[in-house]
Amino acid sequence: MKDIIEMIKTRRCVREYKDDEVSDEDIKLLIDCARYAPSGFNMQPWSFLVVKNKDVMRRLSESGKKSMIPLLEPIKDSSKTASNFLVFLKTRGTDMFYNAPVLVIILGNKNAPTVDVDCAMAAQNMMLAAHSKGIGSCWIGGVLPALMDESILKELGAPPGYKAVAPLIFGYPKGKIPVPQKIEPEVKWLR
């Protein structure tokens, strides 16, 4: 097991994957690590949907692209990143999941007051644990507008009363991922 500080500083969002499958045992381990995340009032408001079916992932990707395009159109001229992503979404055959072999959607109980933060911490645990095992990951927030459709969640088998919080992809990275620029945060000390 690698040092946690090293894991935090070297984890990257992976958007290019090998064809190798991630074993069910490894996915179970990542989910086990997720459940150790802190949660408000110890409600542990998460549930997990594991998708390895390529046809289901393709349909989710297409729904995600259709839902995201209208959200990015109004800001395409003010953000180069948004503009580039819009081109990606409109390009036929692109995959919002970057051909990753597995998608894990962390669902959160809508009745938990801190559900979004709780599930985000569970997601971070999963991504760091994956990185420690040489498995790449990426949070695919762009598919969330599509996952707000309760009929899609029901079709996927989500429990009633849960919403999608963190769609995560996992797989073995293809090549090295460059370190993005890290901006020095503003810090104010009150003593």
N, C-alpha and C. Protein backbone atom coordinates (compact mmCIF):
# COMPACT_ATOMS: atom_id res chain seq x y z
N MET A 1 0.86 -1.18 0.00
CA MET A 1 0.00 0.00 0.00
C MET A 1 0.90 1.24 0.00
N LYS A 2 0.57 2.17 -0.85
CA LYS A 2 1.36 3.39 -0.95
C LYS A 2 0.93 4.42 0.09
N ASP A 3 1.80 5.37 0.35
CA ASP A 3 1.55 6.45 1.29
C ASP A 3 0.35 7.28 0.84
N ILE A 4 -0.54 7.62 1.76
CA ILE A 4 -1.77 8.33 1.42
C ILE A 4 -1.49 9.71 0.83
N ILE A 5 -0.48 10.42 1.33
CA ILE A 5 -0.16 11.74 0.78
C ILE A 5 0.26 11.60 -0.68
N GLU A 6 1.06 10.59 -0.98
CA GLU A 6 1.47 10.34 -2.36
C GLU A 6 0.24 10.02 -3.22
N MET A 7 -0.70 9.23 -2.69
CA MET A 7 -1.91 8.89 -3.44
C MET A 7 -2.74 10.13 -3.75
N ILE A 8 -2.88 11.01 -2.76
CA ILE A 8 -3.66 12.24 -2.96
C ILE A 8 -3.01 13.11 -4.04
N LYS A 9 -1.69 13.24 -3.97
CA LYS A 9 -1.01 14.15 -4.90
C LYS A 9 -0.78 13.57 -6.29
N THR A 10 -0.90 12.27 -6.46
CA THR A 10 -0.63 11.67 -7.78
C THR A 10 -1.87 11.12 -8.47
N ARG A 11 -3.02 11.11 -7.79
CA ARG A 11 -4.25 10.64 -8.44
C ARG A 11 -4.64 11.62 -9.55
N ARG A 12 -5.06 11.10 -10.68
CA ARG A 12 -5.46 11.92 -11.81
C ARG A 12 -6.80 11.43 -12.36
N CYS A 13 -7.51 12.30 -13.05
CA CYS A 13 -8.71 11.89 -13.77
C CYS A 13 -8.25 11.20 -15.05
N VAL A 14 -8.64 9.97 -15.21
CA VAL A 14 -8.22 9.16 -16.35
C VAL A 14 -9.33 9.16 -17.38
N ARG A 15 -8.97 9.50 -18.62
CA ARG A 15 -9.95 9.56 -19.71
C ARG A 15 -9.54 8.70 -20.90
N GLU A 16 -8.61 7.78 -20.66
CA GLU A 16 -8.20 6.84 -21.70
C GLU A 16 -7.83 5.53 -21.01
N TYR A 17 -8.53 4.46 -21.38
CA TYR A 17 -8.40 3.19 -20.68
C TYR A 17 -7.99 2.04 -21.59
N LYS A 18 -7.29 1.08 -21.01
CA LYS A 18 -7.01 -0.18 -21.68
C LYS A 18 -8.31 -0.98 -21.73
N ASP A 19 -8.33 -2.03 -22.53
CA ASP A 19 -9.51 -2.88 -22.64
C ASP A 19 -9.66 -3.84 -21.46
N ASP A 20 -8.63 -3.93 -20.61
CA ASP A 20 -8.64 -4.88 -19.49
C ASP A 20 -9.82 -4.62 -18.55
N GLU A 21 -10.46 -5.71 -18.14
CA GLU A 21 -11.59 -5.62 -17.22
C GLU A 21 -11.08 -5.39 -15.79
N VAL A 22 -11.88 -4.68 -15.01
CA VAL A 22 -11.62 -4.54 -13.57
C VAL A 22 -12.44 -5.64 -12.90
N SER A 23 -11.78 -6.44 -12.07
CA SER A 23 -12.45 -7.60 -11.47
C SER A 23 -13.56 -7.17 -10.50
N ASP A 24 -14.54 -8.04 -10.35
CA ASP A 24 -15.61 -7.79 -9.39
C ASP A 24 -15.03 -7.66 -7.98
N GLU A 25 -14.00 -8.44 -7.69
CA GLU A 25 -13.37 -8.38 -6.35
C GLU A 25 -12.78 -6.99 -6.10
N ASP A 26 -12.13 -6.42 -7.13
CA ASP A 26 -11.57 -5.07 -6.96
C ASP A 26 -12.68 -4.03 -6.78
N ILE A 27 -13.77 -4.16 -7.53
CA ILE A 27 -14.88 -3.23 -7.37
C ILE A 27 -15.48 -3.35 -5.97
N LYS A 28 -15.62 -4.58 -5.49
CA LYS A 28 -16.13 -4.79 -4.12
C LYS A 28 -15.21 -4.14 -3.09
N LEU A 29 -13.90 -4.23 -3.31
CA LEU A 29 -12.95 -3.59 -2.40
C LEU A 29 -13.13 -2.07 -2.41
N LEU A 30 -13.29 -1.49 -3.59
CA LEU A 30 -13.47 -0.04 -3.69
C LEU A 30 -14.75 0.40 -2.98
N ILE A 31 -15.81 -0.37 -3.14
CA ILE A 31 -17.07 -0.06 -2.45
C ILE A 31 -16.89 -0.20 -0.95
N ASP A 32 -16.14 -1.20 -0.53
CA ASP A 32 -15.87 -1.37 0.90
C ASP A 32 -15.12 -0.15 1.44
N CYS A 33 -14.17 0.37 0.67
CA CYS A 33 -13.44 1.58 1.09
C CYS A 33 -14.39 2.78 1.15
N ALA A 34 -15.34 2.85 0.22
CA ALA A 34 -16.30 3.96 0.20
C ALA A 34 -17.11 4.01 1.48
N ARG A 35 -17.50 2.85 1.98
CA ARG A 35 -18.39 2.84 3.15
C ARG A 35 -17.69 3.30 4.43
N TYR A 36 -16.38 3.46 4.38
CA TYR A 36 -15.64 3.98 5.54
C TYR A 36 -15.55 5.51 5.54
N ALA A 37 -16.14 6.15 4.54
CA ALA A 37 -16.14 7.62 4.50
C ALA A 37 -17.01 8.15 5.64
N PRO A 38 -16.67 9.33 6.15
CA PRO A 38 -17.52 9.93 7.17
C PRO A 38 -18.86 10.33 6.56
N SER A 39 -19.90 10.37 7.37
CA SER A 39 -21.20 10.83 6.90
C SER A 39 -21.92 11.54 8.04
N GLY A 40 -22.69 12.56 7.68
CA GLY A 40 -23.44 13.32 8.67
C GLY A 40 -24.37 12.42 9.46
N PHE A 41 -24.31 12.53 10.77
CA PHE A 41 -25.14 11.75 11.69
C PHE A 41 -24.94 10.25 11.51
N ASN A 42 -23.81 9.88 10.91
CA ASN A 42 -23.48 8.48 10.60
C ASN A 42 -24.62 7.78 9.85
N MET A 43 -25.28 8.53 8.97
CA MET A 43 -26.41 7.96 8.23
C MET A 43 -25.97 7.00 7.13
N GLN A 44 -24.72 7.16 6.67
CA GLN A 44 -24.21 6.31 5.60
C GLN A 44 -25.26 6.17 4.49
N PRO A 45 -25.60 7.31 3.85
CA PRO A 45 -26.77 7.36 2.97
C PRO A 45 -26.53 6.86 1.54
N TRP A 46 -25.55 6.01 1.35
CA TRP A 46 -25.18 5.62 -0.01
C TRP A 46 -25.68 4.24 -0.40
N SER A 47 -25.77 4.09 -1.70
CA SER A 47 -26.07 2.82 -2.34
C SER A 47 -25.26 2.86 -3.64
N PHE A 48 -24.97 1.71 -4.20
CA PHE A 48 -24.06 1.67 -5.36
C PHE A 48 -24.68 0.88 -6.50
N LEU A 49 -24.64 1.45 -7.70
CA LEU A 49 -25.02 0.74 -8.91
C LEU A 49 -23.74 0.47 -9.70
N VAL A 50 -23.46 -0.78 -9.96
CA VAL A 50 -22.26 -1.15 -10.72
C VAL A 50 -22.71 -1.56 -12.12
N VAL A 51 -22.21 -0.84 -13.12
CA VAL A 51 -22.60 -1.09 -14.51
C VAL A 51 -21.37 -1.54 -15.30
N LYS A 52 -21.44 -2.77 -15.79
CA LYS A 52 -20.39 -3.29 -16.66
C LYS A 52 -20.93 -3.58 -18.06
N ASN A 53 -22.23 -3.43 -18.22
CA ASN A 53 -22.90 -3.69 -19.49
C ASN A 53 -22.62 -2.53 -20.45
N LYS A 54 -21.91 -2.80 -21.54
CA LYS A 54 -21.50 -1.76 -22.49
C LYS A 54 -22.70 -1.09 -23.16
N ASP A 55 -23.76 -1.86 -23.43
CA ASP A 55 -24.94 -1.28 -24.07
C ASP A 55 -25.62 -0.29 -23.13
N VAL A 56 -25.72 -0.63 -21.86
CA VAL A 56 -26.31 0.29 -20.86
C VAL A 56 -25.44 1.54 -20.75
N MET A 57 -24.13 1.36 -20.72
CA MET A 57 -23.23 2.52 -20.62
C MET A 57 -23.35 3.41 -21.86
N ARG A 58 -23.48 2.80 -23.03
CA ARG A 58 -23.62 3.57 -24.27
C ARG A 58 -24.90 4.40 -24.24
N ARG A 59 -26.02 3.79 -23.80
CA ARG A 59 -27.29 4.51 -23.73
C ARG A 59 -27.22 5.65 -22.70
N LEU A 60 -26.57 5.39 -21.56
CA LEU A 60 -26.40 6.45 -20.56
C LEU A 60 -25.55 7.59 -21.10
N SER A 61 -24.51 7.24 -21.84
CA SER A 61 -23.65 8.26 -22.44
C SER A 61 -24.45 9.13 -23.41
N GLU A 62 -25.26 8.52 -24.25
CA GLU A 62 -26.06 9.28 -25.20
C GLU A 62 -27.07 10.18 -24.48
N SER A 63 -27.71 9.66 -23.43
CA SER A 63 -28.63 10.48 -22.64
C SER A 63 -27.89 11.64 -21.97
N GLY A 64 -26.70 11.34 -21.47
CA GLY A 64 -25.88 12.38 -20.84
C GLY A 64 -25.51 13.48 -21.81
N LYS A 65 -25.12 13.09 -23.02
CA LYS A 65 -24.75 14.08 -24.04
C LYS A 65 -25.94 14.98 -24.37
N LYS A 66 -27.11 14.38 -24.56
CA LYS A 66 -28.32 15.16 -24.90
C LYS A 66 -28.70 16.11 -23.76
N SER A 67 -28.48 15.69 -22.53
CA SER A 67 -28.83 16.55 -21.38
C SER A 67 -27.83 17.66 -21.16
N MET A 68 -26.56 17.42 -21.48
CA MET A 68 -25.49 18.39 -21.20
C MET A 68 -25.38 19.48 -22.25
N ILE A 69 -25.66 19.15 -23.50
CA ILE A 69 -25.49 20.12 -24.60
C ILE A 69 -26.24 21.43 -24.33
N PRO A 70 -27.54 21.38 -23.96
CA PRO A 70 -28.23 22.66 -23.73
C PRO A 70 -27.69 23.44 -22.53
N LEU A 71 -27.06 22.77 -21.59
CA LEU A 71 -26.49 23.46 -20.44
C LEU A 71 -25.19 24.19 -20.80
N LEU A 72 -24.47 23.66 -21.78
CA LEU A 72 -23.18 24.26 -22.15
C LEU A 72 -23.31 25.31 -23.26
N GLU A 73 -24.34 25.21 -24.09
CA GLU A 73 -24.51 26.17 -25.19
C GLU A 73 -24.41 27.62 -24.73
N PRO A 74 -25.11 28.02 -23.64
CA PRO A 74 -25.07 29.43 -23.25
C PRO A 74 -23.70 29.91 -22.75
N ILE A 75 -22.81 29.01 -22.36
CA ILE A 75 -21.52 29.45 -21.81
C ILE A 75 -20.35 29.12 -22.73
N LYS A 76 -20.63 28.61 -23.92
CA LYS A 76 -19.55 28.16 -24.81
C LYS A 76 -18.59 29.27 -25.20
N ASP A 77 -19.05 30.51 -25.25
CA ASP A 77 -18.17 31.61 -25.63
C ASP A 77 -17.38 32.20 -24.46
N SER A 78 -17.75 31.83 -23.25
CA SER A 78 -17.05 32.38 -22.09
C SER A 78 -16.08 31.38 -21.45
N SER A 79 -16.07 30.15 -21.94
CA SER A 79 -15.19 29.13 -21.37
C SER A 79 -14.65 28.23 -22.48
N LYS A 80 -13.34 28.25 -22.67
CA LYS A 80 -12.71 27.39 -23.68
C LYS A 80 -12.95 25.92 -23.34
N THR A 81 -12.88 25.60 -22.06
CA THR A 81 -13.10 24.22 -21.64
C THR A 81 -14.52 23.78 -21.98
N ALA A 82 -15.50 24.62 -21.67
CA ALA A 82 -16.90 24.30 -21.99
C ALA A 82 -17.08 24.17 -23.50
N SER A 83 -16.46 25.06 -24.25
CA SER A 83 -16.56 25.02 -25.71
C SER A 83 -15.97 23.72 -26.26
N ASN A 84 -14.80 23.33 -25.77
CA ASN A 84 -14.17 22.09 -26.22
C ASN A 84 -15.00 20.86 -25.85
N PHE A 85 -15.58 20.89 -24.64
CA PHE A 85 -16.39 19.76 -24.21
C PHE A 85 -17.67 19.68 -25.04
N LEU A 86 -18.21 20.83 -25.42
CA LEU A 86 -19.40 20.86 -26.26
C LEU A 86 -19.11 20.21 -27.61
N VAL A 87 -17.96 20.50 -28.17
CA VAL A 87 -17.56 19.85 -29.44
C VAL A 87 -17.48 18.34 -29.24
N PHE A 88 -16.87 17.91 -28.13
CA PHE A 88 -16.78 16.48 -27.81
C PHE A 88 -18.17 15.85 -27.76
N LEU A 89 -19.10 16.52 -27.05
CA LEU A 89 -20.45 15.97 -26.89
C LEU A 89 -21.19 15.86 -28.21
N LYS A 90 -20.93 16.79 -29.11
CA LYS A 90 -21.63 16.81 -30.40
C LYS A 90 -20.99 15.90 -31.43
N THR A 91 -19.82 15.38 -31.13
CA THR A 91 -19.12 14.51 -32.08
C THR A 91 -19.70 13.10 -32.01
N ARG A 92 -20.16 12.64 -33.13
CA ARG A 92 -20.77 11.31 -33.21
C ARG A 92 -19.78 10.23 -32.77
N GLY A 93 -20.27 9.33 -31.94
CA GLY A 93 -19.44 8.20 -31.51
C GLY A 93 -18.62 8.44 -30.26
N THR A 94 -18.63 9.67 -29.73
CA THR A 94 -17.87 9.91 -28.50
C THR A 94 -18.59 9.27 -27.33
N ASP A 95 -17.83 8.95 -26.31
CA ASP A 95 -18.35 8.23 -25.15
C ASP A 95 -18.04 9.02 -23.90
N MET A 96 -19.08 9.44 -23.19
CA MET A 96 -18.87 10.21 -21.95
C MET A 96 -18.11 9.41 -20.91
N PHE A 97 -18.07 8.08 -21.06
CA PHE A 97 -17.37 7.23 -20.11
C PHE A 97 -16.01 6.79 -20.62
N TYR A 98 -15.58 7.37 -21.73
CA TYR A 98 -14.23 7.16 -22.27
C TYR A 98 -13.86 5.68 -22.42
N ASN A 99 -14.84 4.86 -22.75
CA ASN A 99 -14.63 3.42 -22.96
C ASN A 99 -14.09 2.71 -21.73
N ALA A 100 -14.35 3.25 -20.56
CA ALA A 100 -13.94 2.58 -19.31
C ALA A 100 -14.74 1.28 -19.19
N PRO A 101 -14.14 0.26 -18.58
CA PRO A 101 -14.84 -1.02 -18.47
C PRO A 101 -15.93 -1.06 -17.40
N VAL A 102 -15.94 -0.10 -16.49
CA VAL A 102 -16.96 -0.15 -15.42
C VAL A 102 -17.35 1.26 -14.98
N LEU A 103 -18.63 1.40 -14.70
CA LEU A 103 -19.21 2.63 -14.16
C LEU A 103 -19.84 2.27 -12.82
N VAL A 104 -19.51 3.04 -11.79
CA VAL A 104 -20.16 2.87 -10.49
C VAL A 104 -20.86 4.19 -10.19
N ILE A 105 -22.18 4.10 -10.02
CA ILE A 105 -22.95 5.30 -9.69
C ILE A 105 -23.25 5.24 -8.19
N ILE A 106 -22.71 6.22 -7.48
CA ILE A 106 -23.03 6.32 -6.05
C ILE A 106 -24.35 7.07 -5.95
N LEU A 107 -25.32 6.40 -5.35
CA LEU A 107 -26.63 6.97 -5.13
C LEU A 107 -26.73 7.42 -3.68
N GLY A 108 -27.51 8.47 -3.44
CA GLY A 108 -27.67 8.96 -2.08
C GLY A 108 -29.12 9.04 -1.68
N ASN A 109 -29.38 8.68 -0.44
CA ASN A 109 -30.73 8.75 0.12
C ASN A 109 -31.15 10.22 0.22
N LYS A 110 -32.24 10.56 -0.46
CA LYS A 110 -32.70 11.94 -0.51
C LYS A 110 -33.08 12.50 0.87
N ASN A 111 -33.35 11.64 1.84
CA ASN A 111 -33.74 12.10 3.18
C ASN A 111 -32.56 12.45 4.08
N ALA A 112 -31.37 12.12 3.65
CA ALA A 112 -30.19 12.44 4.48
C ALA A 112 -29.81 13.90 4.25
N PRO A 113 -29.69 14.70 5.31
CA PRO A 113 -29.43 16.13 5.14
C PRO A 113 -28.08 16.47 4.52
N THR A 114 -27.11 15.59 4.63
CA THR A 114 -25.77 15.88 4.09
C THR A 114 -25.40 14.88 2.98
N VAL A 115 -26.39 14.40 2.26
CA VAL A 115 -26.20 13.31 1.30
C VAL A 115 -25.16 13.62 0.23
N ASP A 116 -25.17 14.82 -0.34
CA ASP A 116 -24.24 15.12 -1.43
C ASP A 116 -22.79 15.09 -0.95
N VAL A 117 -22.55 15.70 0.21
CA VAL A 117 -21.19 15.72 0.76
C VAL A 117 -20.77 14.31 1.19
N ASP A 118 -21.67 13.59 1.82
CA ASP A 118 -21.36 12.23 2.27
C ASP A 118 -20.96 11.34 1.09
N CYS A 119 -21.76 11.39 0.02
CA CYS A 119 -21.47 10.55 -1.15
C CYS A 119 -20.21 11.01 -1.88
N ALA A 120 -19.93 12.31 -1.84
CA ALA A 120 -18.70 12.82 -2.46
C ALA A 120 -17.48 12.30 -1.70
N MET A 121 -17.57 12.24 -0.37
CA MET A 121 -16.44 11.69 0.40
C MET A 121 -16.28 10.20 0.13
N ALA A 122 -17.38 9.49 -0.02
CA ALA A 122 -17.31 8.06 -0.37
C ALA A 122 -16.65 7.89 -1.74
N ALA A 123 -16.99 8.79 -2.67
CA ALA A 123 -16.40 8.73 -4.02
C ALA A 123 -14.90 8.96 -3.95
N GLN A 124 -14.47 9.94 -3.16
CA GLN A 124 -13.03 10.20 -3.04
C GLN A 124 -12.31 8.99 -2.46
N ASN A 125 -12.91 8.35 -1.46
CA ASN A 125 -12.30 7.13 -0.92
C ASN A 125 -12.12 6.09 -2.02
N MET A 126 -13.14 5.92 -2.85
CA MET A 126 -13.07 4.93 -3.93
C MET A 126 -11.96 5.28 -4.92
N MET A 127 -11.88 6.56 -5.31
CA MET A 127 -10.89 6.96 -6.30
C MET A 127 -9.47 6.83 -5.77
N LEU A 128 -9.27 7.17 -4.50
CA LEU A 128 -7.93 7.02 -3.92
C LEU A 128 -7.56 5.55 -3.76
N ALA A 129 -8.52 4.74 -3.33
CA ALA A 129 -8.25 3.29 -3.20
C ALA A 129 -7.93 2.69 -4.57
N ALA A 130 -8.68 3.11 -5.58
CA ALA A 130 -8.42 2.61 -6.94
C ALA A 130 -7.01 2.97 -7.37
N HIS A 131 -6.63 4.23 -7.15
CA HIS A 131 -5.29 4.68 -7.55
C HIS A 131 -4.21 3.86 -6.85
N SER A 132 -4.44 3.51 -5.59
CA SER A 132 -3.43 2.74 -4.85
C SER A 132 -3.26 1.34 -5.45
N LYS A 133 -4.25 0.86 -6.21
CA LYS A 133 -4.18 -0.45 -6.83
C LYS A 133 -3.84 -0.37 -8.32
N GLY A 134 -3.51 0.83 -8.80
CA GLY A 134 -3.16 0.98 -10.21
C GLY A 134 -4.37 1.09 -11.13
N ILE A 135 -5.55 1.32 -10.54
CA ILE A 135 -6.78 1.47 -11.31
C ILE A 135 -7.08 2.95 -11.44
N GLY A 136 -7.34 3.40 -12.65
CA GLY A 136 -7.67 4.79 -12.89
C GLY A 136 -9.15 5.06 -12.66
N SER A 137 -9.48 6.33 -12.49
CA SER A 137 -10.87 6.71 -12.24
C SER A 137 -11.14 8.12 -12.75
N CYS A 138 -12.41 8.42 -12.89
CA CYS A 138 -12.82 9.78 -13.23
C CYS A 138 -14.28 9.96 -12.82
N TRP A 139 -14.58 11.09 -12.22
CA TRP A 139 -15.95 11.44 -11.85
C TRP A 139 -16.57 12.05 -13.10
N ILE A 140 -17.66 11.47 -13.59
CA ILE A 140 -18.30 11.94 -14.82
C ILE A 140 -19.53 12.77 -14.46
N GLY A 141 -19.28 13.96 -13.97
CA GLY A 141 -20.36 14.85 -13.55
C GLY A 141 -21.27 15.26 -14.69
N GLY A 142 -20.75 15.23 -15.91
CA GLY A 142 -21.55 15.63 -17.06
C GLY A 142 -22.75 14.74 -17.33
N VAL A 143 -22.76 13.54 -16.78
CA VAL A 143 -23.90 12.64 -17.00
C VAL A 143 -24.99 12.84 -15.93
N LEU A 144 -24.69 13.63 -14.90
CA LEU A 144 -25.67 13.83 -13.82
C LEU A 144 -27.00 14.43 -14.28
N PRO A 145 -27.01 15.41 -15.21
CA PRO A 145 -28.32 15.91 -15.64
C PRO A 145 -29.22 14.80 -16.20
N ALA A 146 -28.66 13.85 -16.92
CA ALA A 146 -29.46 12.73 -17.44
C ALA A 146 -29.92 11.83 -16.30
N LEU A 147 -29.06 11.65 -15.30
CA LEU A 147 -29.40 10.77 -14.18
C LEU A 147 -30.41 11.39 -13.23
N MET A 148 -30.76 12.66 -13.45
CA MET A 148 -31.83 13.27 -12.66
C MET A 148 -33.19 12.74 -13.09
N ASP A 149 -33.23 12.11 -14.23
CA ASP A 149 -34.47 11.50 -14.74
C ASP A 149 -34.75 10.24 -13.94
N GLU A 150 -35.78 10.29 -13.13
CA GLU A 150 -36.10 9.17 -12.23
C GLU A 150 -36.40 7.89 -13.00
N SER A 151 -36.92 8.01 -14.23
CA SER A 151 -37.22 6.80 -15.00
C SER A 151 -35.93 6.07 -15.38
N ILE A 152 -34.87 6.82 -15.64
CA ILE A 152 -33.57 6.19 -15.94
C ILE A 152 -33.05 5.47 -14.71
N LEU A 153 -33.11 6.14 -13.55
CA LEU A 153 -32.64 5.50 -12.32
C LEU A 153 -33.46 4.24 -12.00
N LYS A 154 -34.76 4.32 -12.20
CA LYS A 154 -35.62 3.17 -11.94
C LYS A 154 -35.25 2.01 -12.87
N GLU A 155 -35.02 2.33 -14.14
CA GLU A 155 -34.62 1.31 -15.12
C GLU A 155 -33.30 0.65 -14.72
N LEU A 156 -32.40 1.43 -14.12
CA LEU A 156 -31.10 0.89 -13.68
C LEU A 156 -31.22 0.07 -12.39
N GLY A 157 -32.34 0.20 -11.70
CA GLY A 157 -32.52 -0.57 -10.46
C GLY A 157 -32.19 0.19 -9.20
N ALA A 158 -32.18 1.52 -9.28
CA ALA A 158 -31.91 2.33 -8.09
C ALA A 158 -33.04 2.17 -7.09
N PRO A 159 -32.71 2.11 -5.79
CA PRO A 159 -33.78 2.02 -4.80
C PRO A 159 -34.62 3.29 -4.78
N PRO A 160 -35.91 3.16 -4.48
CA PRO A 160 -36.76 4.35 -4.39
C PRO A 160 -36.23 5.31 -3.32
N GLY A 161 -36.37 6.61 -3.59
CA GLY A 161 -35.93 7.60 -2.61
C GLY A 161 -34.45 7.94 -2.69
N TYR A 162 -33.76 7.43 -3.72
CA TYR A 162 -32.34 7.72 -3.91
C TYR A 162 -32.13 8.52 -5.17
N LYS A 163 -31.07 9.33 -5.17
CA LYS A 163 -30.70 10.11 -6.35
C LYS A 163 -29.25 9.82 -6.70
N ALA A 164 -28.90 10.07 -7.95
CA ALA A 164 -27.51 9.90 -8.38
C ALA A 164 -26.69 11.07 -7.85
N VAL A 165 -25.54 10.78 -7.27
CA VAL A 165 -24.65 11.83 -6.75
C VAL A 165 -23.30 11.78 -7.46
N ALA A 166 -22.73 10.59 -7.59
CA ALA A 166 -21.36 10.49 -8.10
C ALA A 166 -21.23 9.35 -9.10
N PRO A 167 -21.28 9.66 -10.41
CA PRO A 167 -21.01 8.64 -11.42
C PRO A 167 -19.49 8.54 -11.62
N LEU A 168 -18.93 7.40 -11.29
CA LEU A 168 -17.48 7.20 -11.36
C LEU A 168 -17.15 6.09 -12.35
N ILE A 169 -16.13 6.32 -13.17
CA ILE A 169 -15.65 5.25 -14.04
C ILE A 169 -14.32 4.74 -13.51
N PHE A 170 -14.07 3.46 -13.78
CA PHE A 170 -12.83 2.81 -13.34
C PHE A 170 -12.28 1.94 -14.46
N GLY A 171 -10.97 1.86 -14.52
CA GLY A 171 -10.30 1.01 -15.49
C GLY A 171 -8.80 1.22 -15.38
N TYR A 172 -8.07 0.46 -16.18
CA TYR A 172 -6.62 0.58 -16.15
C TYR A 172 -6.18 1.65 -17.15
N PRO A 173 -5.43 2.65 -16.67
CA PRO A 173 -5.04 3.76 -17.53
C PRO A 173 -4.18 3.31 -18.71
N LYS A 174 -4.40 3.98 -19.83
CA LYS A 174 -3.59 3.77 -21.02
C LYS A 174 -2.62 4.95 -21.07
N GLY A 175 -1.38 4.73 -20.67
CA GLY A 175 -0.37 5.78 -20.69
C GLY A 175 -0.36 6.64 -19.43
N LYS A 176 0.57 7.60 -19.43
CA LYS A 176 0.74 8.52 -18.30
C LYS A 176 -0.21 9.70 -18.46
N ILE A 177 -0.70 10.19 -17.33
CA ILE A 177 -1.58 11.35 -17.32
C ILE A 177 -0.78 12.55 -16.81
N PRO A 178 -0.75 13.63 -17.59
CA PRO A 178 0.03 14.79 -17.14
C PRO A 178 -0.60 15.45 -15.92
N VAL A 179 0.23 16.10 -15.13
CA VAL A 179 -0.24 16.80 -13.94
C VAL A 179 -0.84 18.14 -14.38
N PRO A 180 -2.13 18.36 -14.08
CA PRO A 180 -2.71 19.65 -14.43
C PRO A 180 -2.15 20.74 -13.52
N GLN A 181 -2.22 21.97 -14.00
CA GLN A 181 -1.74 23.09 -13.19
C GLN A 181 -2.56 23.17 -11.91
N LYS A 182 -1.89 23.30 -10.81
CA LYS A 182 -2.55 23.45 -9.51
C LYS A 182 -2.38 24.90 -9.07
N ILE A 183 -3.47 25.57 -8.81
CA ILE A 183 -3.46 26.97 -8.42
C ILE A 183 -3.29 27.07 -6.91
N GLU A 184 -2.42 27.94 -6.49
CA GLU A 184 -2.21 28.18 -5.06
C GLU A 184 -3.48 28.80 -4.48
N PRO A 185 -4.09 28.17 -3.47
CA PRO A 185 -5.34 28.71 -2.92
C PRO A 185 -5.08 29.92 -2.03
N GLU A 186 -6.09 30.73 -1.91
CA GLU A 186 -6.02 31.84 -0.96
C GLU A 186 -6.29 31.26 0.42
N VAL A 187 -5.43 31.59 1.36
CA VAL A 187 -5.55 31.09 2.73
C VAL A 187 -5.50 32.28 3.69
N LYS A 188 -6.46 32.37 4.57
CA LYS A 188 -6.44 33.42 5.59
C LYS A 188 -6.38 32.75 6.93
N TRP A 189 -5.43 33.16 7.73
CA TRP A 189 -5.26 32.59 9.08
C TRP A 189 -5.85 33.56 10.09
N LEU A 190 -6.66 33.06 10.95
CA LEU A 190 -7.19 33.86 12.06
C LEU A 190 -6.55 33.34 13.33
N ARG A 191 -5.76 34.19 13.99
CA ARG A 191 -5.05 33.76 15.20
C ARG A 191 -5.44 34.60 16.38
